[in-house]
Amino acid sequence: MNKRLFAILGETNGMYIPLYPDRGRQQNLRPKGRNRPVPFPDELTK
């Protein structure tokens, strides 16, 4: 389904937003022992 979505976006000039095709796994995890998290800014919380 993702391949078809990006094919349609390409055919209809819908790639103005930098979207990248799904490559399978997510890469949103940090390796342990690196890059300690920083405190979240107060102005961005409710």
Protein backbone atom coordinates (compact mmCIF):
# COMPACT_ATOMS: atom_id res chain seq x y z
CA MET A 1 0.00 0.00 0.00
CA ASN A 2 2.86 2.41 0.77
CA LYS A 3 4.36 1.92 -2.68
CA ARG A 4 1.02 2.78 -4.28
CA LEU A 5 0.60 5.85 -2.05
CA PHE A 6 3.97 7.26 -3.08
CA ALA A 7 3.33 6.40 -6.71
CA ILE A 8 0.09 8.40 -6.59
CA LEU A 9 1.81 11.30 -4.80
CA GLY A 10 4.52 11.33 -7.46
CA GLU A 11 1.99 11.25 -10.31
CA THR A 12 -0.06 14.10 -8.84
CA ASN A 13 2.77 16.42 -7.73
CA GLY A 14 1.97 15.64 -4.11
CA MET A 15 5.60 15.44 -3.04
CA TYR A 16 5.95 19.10 -2.03
CA ILE A 17 6.24 18.01 1.61
CA PRO A 18 9.45 16.05 2.16
CA LEU A 19 7.86 12.62 2.72
CA TYR A 20 10.02 9.57 2.44
CA PRO A 21 8.79 6.09 1.49
CA ASP A 22 8.46 3.61 4.32
CA ARG A 23 11.57 1.46 4.59
CA GLY A 24 10.15 -1.02 7.05
CA ARG A 25 11.34 -0.53 10.63
CA GLN A 26 11.15 2.70 12.58
CA GLN A 27 14.39 4.44 13.48
CA ASN A 28 13.16 6.50 16.42
CA LEU A 29 15.05 4.82 19.25
CA ARG A 30 18.32 6.02 20.78
CA PRO A 31 21.18 3.66 21.55
CA LYS A 32 21.75 3.14 25.28
CA GLY A 33 24.56 5.16 26.79
CA ARG A 34 24.49 7.94 24.20
CA ASN A 35 22.78 11.31 23.96
CA ARG A 36 21.20 11.85 27.34
CA PRO A 37 17.69 13.30 27.09
CA VAL A 38 17.37 17.00 27.88
CA PRO A 39 14.56 18.49 29.99
CA PHE A 40 11.48 19.42 27.99
CA PRO A 41 11.12 23.23 27.76
CA ASP A 42 8.48 24.66 30.12
CA GLU A 43 7.03 26.87 27.37
CA LEU A 44 6.04 23.75 25.43
CA THR A 45 4.02 22.12 28.22
CA LYS A 46 0.50 22.81 29.47
